[in-house]
Protein backbone atom coordinates (compact mmCIF):
# COMPACT_ATOMS: atom_id res chain seq x y z
CA UNK A 1 0.00 0.00 0.00
CA UNK A 2 3.04 2.25 -0.04
CA UNK A 3 2.39 3.13 -3.69
CA UNK A 4 -0.98 4.68 -2.91
CA UNK A 5 -1.36 8.43 -2.69
CA UNK A 6 -3.05 9.93 0.37
CA UNK A 7 -6.26 10.51 -1.60
CA UNK A 8 -6.42 6.86 -2.63
CA UNK A 9 -5.88 5.73 0.95
CA UNK A 10 -8.61 8.08 2.20
CA UNK A 11 -11.06 6.82 -0.42
CA UNK A 12 -10.21 3.22 0.40
CA UNK A 13 -10.87 3.89 4.07
CA UNK A 14 -14.12 5.67 3.19
CA UNK A 15 -15.17 2.70 1.04
CA UNK A 16 -14.75 0.43 4.05
CA UNK A 17 -16.32 2.72 6.66
CA UNK A 18 -19.09 4.72 4.97
CA UNK A 19 -21.46 1.81 4.19
CA UNK A 20 -21.31 0.65 7.81
CA UNK A 21 -21.95 4.15 9.13
CA UNK A 22 -24.90 4.62 6.76
CA UNK A 23 -26.30 1.22 7.77
CA UNK A 24 -26.00 2.14 11.45
CA UNK A 25 -27.65 5.50 10.79
CA UNK A 26 -30.58 3.72 9.12
CA UNK A 27 -31.27 1.39 12.06
CA UNK A 28 -33.57 3.82 13.94
CA UNK A 29 -35.63 4.29 10.77
CA UNK A 30 -36.04 0.62 9.85
CA UNK A 31 -39.74 0.61 10.76
CA UNK A 32 -40.44 3.88 8.90
CA UNK A 33 -38.58 3.17 5.65
CA UNK A 34 -39.29 0.44 3.16
CA UNK A 35 -36.54 -1.99 2.27
CA UNK A 36 -36.37 -0.46 -1.21
CA UNK A 37 -35.69 3.02 0.17
CA UNK A 38 -33.04 1.69 2.52
CA UNK A 39 -31.36 -0.13 -0.35
CA UNK A 40 -31.40 3.01 -2.49
CA UNK A 41 -29.83 5.03 0.31
CA UNK A 42 -27.08 2.43 0.61
CA UNK A 43 -26.53 2.50 -3.16
CA UNK A 44 -26.22 6.29 -3.11
CA UNK A 45 -23.61 6.05 -0.34
CA UNK A 46 -21.58 3.43 -2.23
CA UNK A 47 -21.78 5.32 -5.53
CA UNK A 48 -20.73 8.56 -3.80
CA UNK A 49 -17.63 6.89 -2.42
CA UNK A 50 -16.92 5.18 -5.74
CA UNK A 51 -17.12 8.52 -7.54
CA UNK A 52 -14.35 9.84 -5.31
CA UNK A 53 -12.00 6.99 -6.16
CA UNK A 54 -9.79 6.54 -9.18
PDB file of N, CA and C in Angstrom:
ATOM      1  N   UNK A   1       0.817  -1.185   0.000  1.00  0.00           N
ATOM      2  CA  UNK A   1       0.000   0.000   0.000  1.00  0.00           C
ATOM      3  C   UNK A   1       0.865   1.255   0.000  1.00  0.00           C
ATOM      4  N   UNK A   2       2.149   1.098  -0.074  1.00  0.00           N
ATOM      5  CA  UNK A   2       3.038   2.255  -0.045  1.00  0.00           C
ATOM      6  C   UNK A   2       2.968   3.047  -1.348  1.00  0.00           C
ATOM      7  N   UNK A   3       2.485   2.432  -2.428  1.00  0.00           N
ATOM      8  CA  UNK A   3       2.391   3.126  -3.690  1.00  0.00           C
ATOM      9  C   UNK A   3       1.158   4.019  -3.811  1.00  0.00           C
ATOM     10  N   UNK A   4       0.246   3.893  -2.864  1.00  0.00           N
ATOM     11  CA  UNK A   4      -0.981   4.678  -2.915  1.00  0.00           C
ATOM     12  C   UNK A   4      -0.727   6.117  -2.476  1.00  0.00           C
ATOM     13  N   UNK A   5      -1.381   7.042  -3.136  1.00  0.00           N
ATOM     14  CA  UNK A   5      -1.362   8.427  -2.691  1.00  0.00           C
ATOM     15  C   UNK A   5      -2.297   8.565  -1.503  1.00  0.00           C
ATOM     16  N   UNK A   6      -2.200   9.701  -0.800  1.00  0.00           N
ATOM     17  CA  UNK A   6      -3.047   9.931   0.367  1.00  0.00           C
ATOM     18  C   UNK A   6      -4.520   9.902  -0.014  1.00  0.00           C
ATOM     19  N   UNK A   7      -4.864  10.482  -1.157  1.00  0.00           N
ATOM     20  CA  UNK A   7      -6.263  10.507  -1.596  1.00  0.00           C
ATOM     21  C   UNK A   7      -6.794   9.091  -1.787  1.00  0.00           C
ATOM     22  N   UNK A   8      -5.990   8.239  -2.407  1.00  0.00           N
ATOM     23  CA  UNK A   8      -6.417   6.864  -2.631  1.00  0.00           C
ATOM     24  C   UNK A   8      -6.611   6.120  -1.313  1.00  0.00           C
ATOM     25  N   UNK A   9      -5.732   6.368  -0.362  1.00  0.00           N
ATOM     26  CA  UNK A   9      -5.881   5.731   0.952  1.00  0.00           C
ATOM     27  C   UNK A   9      -7.138   6.211   1.651  1.00  0.00           C
ATOM     28  N   UNK A  10      -7.418   7.517   1.559  1.00  0.00           N
ATOM     29  CA  UNK A  10      -8.610   8.078   2.201  1.00  0.00           C
ATOM     30  C   UNK A  10      -9.884   7.511   1.574  1.00  0.00           C
ATOM     31  N   UNK A  11      -9.884   7.378   0.254  1.00  0.00           N
ATOM     32  CA  UNK A  11     -11.059   6.821  -0.424  1.00  0.00           C
ATOM     33  C   UNK A  11     -11.223   5.344  -0.081  1.00  0.00           C
ATOM     34  N   UNK A  12     -10.132   4.621   0.012  1.00  0.00           N
ATOM     35  CA  UNK A  12     -10.213   3.216   0.397  1.00  0.00           C
ATOM     36  C   UNK A  12     -10.786   3.074   1.804  1.00  0.00           C
ATOM     37  N   UNK A  13     -10.330   3.900   2.718  1.00  0.00           N
ATOM     38  CA  UNK A  13     -10.874   3.893   4.073  1.00  0.00           C
ATOM     39  C   UNK A  13     -12.354   4.261   4.065  1.00  0.00           C
ATOM     40  N   UNK A  14     -12.717   5.265   3.281  1.00  0.00           N
ATOM     41  CA  UNK A  14     -14.117   5.672   3.185  1.00  0.00           C
ATOM     42  C   UNK A  14     -14.971   4.542   2.609  1.00  0.00           C
ATOM     43  N   UNK A  15     -14.429   3.813   1.642  1.00  0.00           N
ATOM     44  CA  UNK A  15     -15.168   2.702   1.042  1.00  0.00           C
ATOM     45  C   UNK A  15     -15.434   1.596   2.057  1.00  0.00           C
ATOM     46  N   UNK A  16     -14.555   1.455   3.025  1.00  0.00           N
ATOM     47  CA  UNK A  16     -14.748   0.431   4.053  1.00  0.00           C
ATOM     48  C   UNK A  16     -15.651   0.905   5.182  1.00  0.00           C
ATOM     49  N   UNK A  17     -15.640   2.199   5.478  1.00  0.00           N
ATOM     50  CA  UNK A  17     -16.324   2.715   6.656  1.00  0.00           C
ATOM     51  C   UNK A  17     -17.708   3.284   6.355  1.00  0.00           C
ATOM     52  N   UNK A  18     -17.846   4.002   5.256  1.00  0.00           N
ATOM     53  CA  UNK A  18     -19.094   4.718   4.970  1.00  0.00           C
ATOM     54  C   UNK A  18     -20.314   3.796   4.899  1.00  0.00           C
ATOM     55  N   UNK A  19     -20.262   2.660   4.211  1.00  0.00           N
ATOM     56  CA  UNK A  19     -21.456   1.805   4.189  1.00  0.00           C
ATOM     57  C   UNK A  19     -21.890   1.339   5.586  1.00  0.00           C
ATOM     58  N   UNK A  20     -20.943   1.062   6.450  1.00  0.00           N
ATOM     59  CA  UNK A  20     -21.307   0.652   7.809  1.00  0.00           C
ATOM     60  C   UNK A  20     -21.931   1.798   8.586  1.00  0.00           C
ATOM     61  N   UNK A  21     -21.400   2.993   8.425  1.00  0.00           N
ATOM     62  CA  UNK A  21     -21.954   4.153   9.126  1.00  0.00           C
ATOM     63  C   UNK A  21     -23.360   4.456   8.627  1.00  0.00           C
ATOM     64  N   UNK A  22     -23.565   4.373   7.318  1.00  0.00           N
ATOM     65  CA  UNK A  22     -24.895   4.616   6.764  1.00  0.00           C
ATOM     66  C   UNK A  22     -25.869   3.547   7.250  1.00  0.00           C
ATOM     67  N   UNK A  23     -25.430   2.298   7.280  1.00  0.00           N
ATOM     68  CA  UNK A  23     -26.298   1.220   7.769  1.00  0.00           C
ATOM     69  C   UNK A  23     -26.667   1.440   9.232  1.00  0.00           C
ATOM     70  N   UNK A  24     -25.705   1.852  10.040  1.00  0.00           N
ATOM     71  CA  UNK A  24     -26.003   2.137  11.449  1.00  0.00           C
ATOM     72  C   UNK A  24     -26.935   3.333  11.591  1.00  0.00           C
ATOM     73  N   UNK A  25     -26.779   4.323  10.731  1.00  0.00           N
ATOM     74  CA  UNK A  25     -27.651   5.495  10.788  1.00  0.00           C
ATOM     75  C   UNK A  25     -29.077   5.150  10.382  1.00  0.00           C
ATOM     76  N   UNK A  26     -29.249   4.114   9.568  1.00  0.00           N
ATOM     77  CA  UNK A  26     -30.583   3.722   9.121  1.00  0.00           C
ATOM     78  C   UNK A  26     -31.325   2.847  10.128  1.00  0.00           C
ATOM     79  N   UNK A  27     -30.636   2.301  11.107  1.00  0.00           N
ATOM     80  CA  UNK A  27     -31.269   1.389  12.063  1.00  0.00           C
ATOM     81  C   UNK A  27     -32.474   2.015  12.769  1.00  0.00           C
ATOM     82  N   UNK A  28     -32.391   3.252  13.261  1.00  0.00           N
ATOM     83  CA  UNK A  28     -33.570   3.817  13.943  1.00  0.00           C
ATOM     84  C   UNK A  28     -34.782   4.008  13.024  1.00  0.00           C
ATOM     85  N   UNK A  29     -34.543   4.044  11.717  1.00  0.00           N
ATOM     86  CA  UNK A  29     -35.631   4.291  10.769  1.00  0.00           C
ATOM     87  C   UNK A  29     -36.123   3.021  10.089  1.00  0.00           C
ATOM     88  N   UNK A  30     -35.714   1.868  10.559  1.00  0.00           N
ATOM     89  CA  UNK A  30     -36.044   0.625   9.848  1.00  0.00           C
ATOM     90  C   UNK A  30     -37.535   0.330   9.815  1.00  0.00           C
ATOM     91  N   UNK A  31     -38.297   0.841  10.791  1.00  0.00           N
ATOM     92  CA  UNK A  31     -39.745   0.614  10.755  1.00  0.00           C
ATOM     93  C   UNK A  31     -40.456   1.658   9.899  1.00  0.00           C
ATOM     94  N   UNK A  32     -39.813   2.805   9.670  1.00  0.00           N
ATOM     95  CA  UNK A  32     -40.435   3.881   8.901  1.00  0.00           C
ATOM     96  C   UNK A  32     -40.135   3.801   7.411  1.00  0.00           C
ATOM     97  N   UNK A  33     -38.987   3.248   7.047  1.00  0.00           N
ATOM     98  CA  UNK A  33     -38.585   3.172   5.647  1.00  0.00           C
ATOM     99  C   UNK A  33     -38.840   1.779   5.079  1.00  0.00           C
ATOM    100  N   UNK A  34     -39.167   1.741   3.807  1.00  0.00           N
ATOM    101  CA  UNK A  34     -39.294   0.443   3.156  1.00  0.00           C
ATOM    102  C   UNK A  34     -37.900  -0.098   2.846  1.00  0.00           C
ATOM    103  N   UNK A  35     -37.828  -1.366   2.592  1.00  0.00           N
ATOM    104  CA  UNK A  35     -36.538  -1.993   2.274  1.00  0.00           C
ATOM    105  C   UNK A  35     -35.965  -1.409   0.984  1.00  0.00           C
ATOM    106  N   UNK A  36     -36.837  -1.051   0.053  1.00  0.00           N
ATOM    107  CA  UNK A  36     -36.375  -0.458  -1.207  1.00  0.00           C
ATOM    108  C   UNK A  36     -35.696   0.880  -0.960  1.00  0.00           C
ATOM    109  N   UNK A  37     -36.294   1.724  -0.130  1.00  0.00           N
ATOM    110  CA  UNK A  37     -35.693   3.023   0.167  1.00  0.00           C
ATOM    111  C   UNK A  37     -34.369   2.866   0.904  1.00  0.00           C
ATOM    112  N   UNK A  38     -34.302   1.925   1.813  1.00  0.00           N
ATOM    113  CA  UNK A  38     -33.041   1.686   2.522  1.00  0.00           C
ATOM    114  C   UNK A  38     -31.956   1.225   1.549  1.00  0.00           C
ATOM    115  N   UNK A  39     -32.322   0.355   0.632  1.00  0.00           N
ATOM    116  CA  UNK A  39     -31.360  -0.129  -0.349  1.00  0.00           C
ATOM    117  C   UNK A  39     -30.880   1.009  -1.249  1.00  0.00           C
ATOM    118  N   UNK A  40     -31.797   1.884  -1.643  1.00  0.00           N
ATOM    119  CA  UNK A  40     -31.401   3.007  -2.490  1.00  0.00           C
ATOM    120  C   UNK A  40     -30.478   3.965  -1.755  1.00  0.00           C
ATOM    121  N   UNK A  41     -30.715   4.178  -0.482  1.00  0.00           N
ATOM    122  CA  UNK A  41     -29.827   5.030   0.311  1.00  0.00           C
ATOM    123  C   UNK A  41     -28.435   4.407   0.383  1.00  0.00           C
ATOM    124  N   UNK A  42     -28.374   3.105   0.578  1.00  0.00           N
ATOM    125  CA  UNK A  42     -27.077   2.426   0.608  1.00  0.00           C
ATOM    126  C   UNK A  42     -26.369   2.527  -0.742  1.00  0.00           C
ATOM    127  N   UNK A  43     -27.113   2.396  -1.826  1.00  0.00           N
ATOM    128  CA  UNK A  43     -26.533   2.496  -3.163  1.00  0.00           C
ATOM    129  C   UNK A  43     -25.975   3.888  -3.387  1.00  0.00           C
ATOM    130  N   UNK A  44     -26.708   4.911  -2.958  1.00  0.00           N
ATOM    131  CA  UNK A  44     -26.221   6.289  -3.110  1.00  0.00           C
ATOM    132  C   UNK A  44     -24.921   6.474  -2.341  1.00  0.00           C
ATOM    133  N   UNK A  45     -24.837   5.924  -1.139  1.00  0.00           N
ATOM    134  CA  UNK A  45     -23.606   6.049  -0.344  1.00  0.00           C
ATOM    135  C   UNK A  45     -22.437   5.362  -1.040  1.00  0.00           C
ATOM    136  N   UNK A  46     -22.665   4.176  -1.565  1.00  0.00           N
ATOM    137  CA  UNK A  46     -21.584   3.433  -2.231  1.00  0.00           C
ATOM    138  C   UNK A  46     -21.157   4.135  -3.515  1.00  0.00           C
ATOM    139  N   UNK A  47     -22.110   4.626  -4.283  1.00  0.00           N
ATOM    140  CA  UNK A  47     -21.782   5.321  -5.535  1.00  0.00           C
ATOM    141  C   UNK A  47     -21.034   6.621  -5.234  1.00  0.00           C
ATOM    142  N   UNK A  48     -21.418   7.320  -4.168  1.00  0.00           N
ATOM    143  CA  UNK A  48     -20.731   8.559  -3.804  1.00  0.00           C
ATOM    144  C   UNK A  48     -19.263   8.292  -3.473  1.00  0.00           C
ATOM    145  N   UNK A  49     -19.006   7.231  -2.732  1.00  0.00           N
ATOM    146  CA  UNK A  49     -17.626   6.888  -2.416  1.00  0.00           C
ATOM    147  C   UNK A  49     -16.888   6.425  -3.674  1.00  0.00           C
ATOM    148  N   UNK A  50     -17.556   5.661  -4.512  1.00  0.00           N
ATOM    149  CA  UNK A  50     -16.922   5.184  -5.743  1.00  0.00           C
ATOM    150  C   UNK A  50     -16.582   6.333  -6.683  1.00  0.00           C
ATOM    151  N   UNK A  51     -17.397   7.369  -6.681  1.00  0.00           N
ATOM    152  CA  UNK A  51     -17.121   8.523  -7.536  1.00  0.00           C
ATOM    153  C   UNK A  51     -15.882   9.285  -7.089  1.00  0.00           C
ATOM    154  N   UNK A  52     -15.537   9.167  -5.825  1.00  0.00           N
ATOM    155  CA  UNK A  52     -14.348   9.839  -5.307  1.00  0.00           C
ATOM    156  C   UNK A  52     -13.067   9.100  -5.668  1.00  0.00           C
ATOM    157  N   UNK A  53     -13.180   7.810  -5.890  1.00  0.00           N
ATOM    158  CA  UNK A  53     -11.997   6.990  -6.157  1.00  0.00           C
ATOM    159  C   UNK A  53     -11.478   7.155  -7.574  1.00  0.00           C
ATOM    160  N   UNK A  54     -10.379   6.460  -7.839  1.00  0.00           N
ATOM    161  CA  UNK A  54      -9.791   6.542  -9.178  1.00  0.00           C
ATOM    162  C   UNK A  54     -10.153   5.319  -9.984  1.00  0.00           C
TER     163      UNK A  54
END
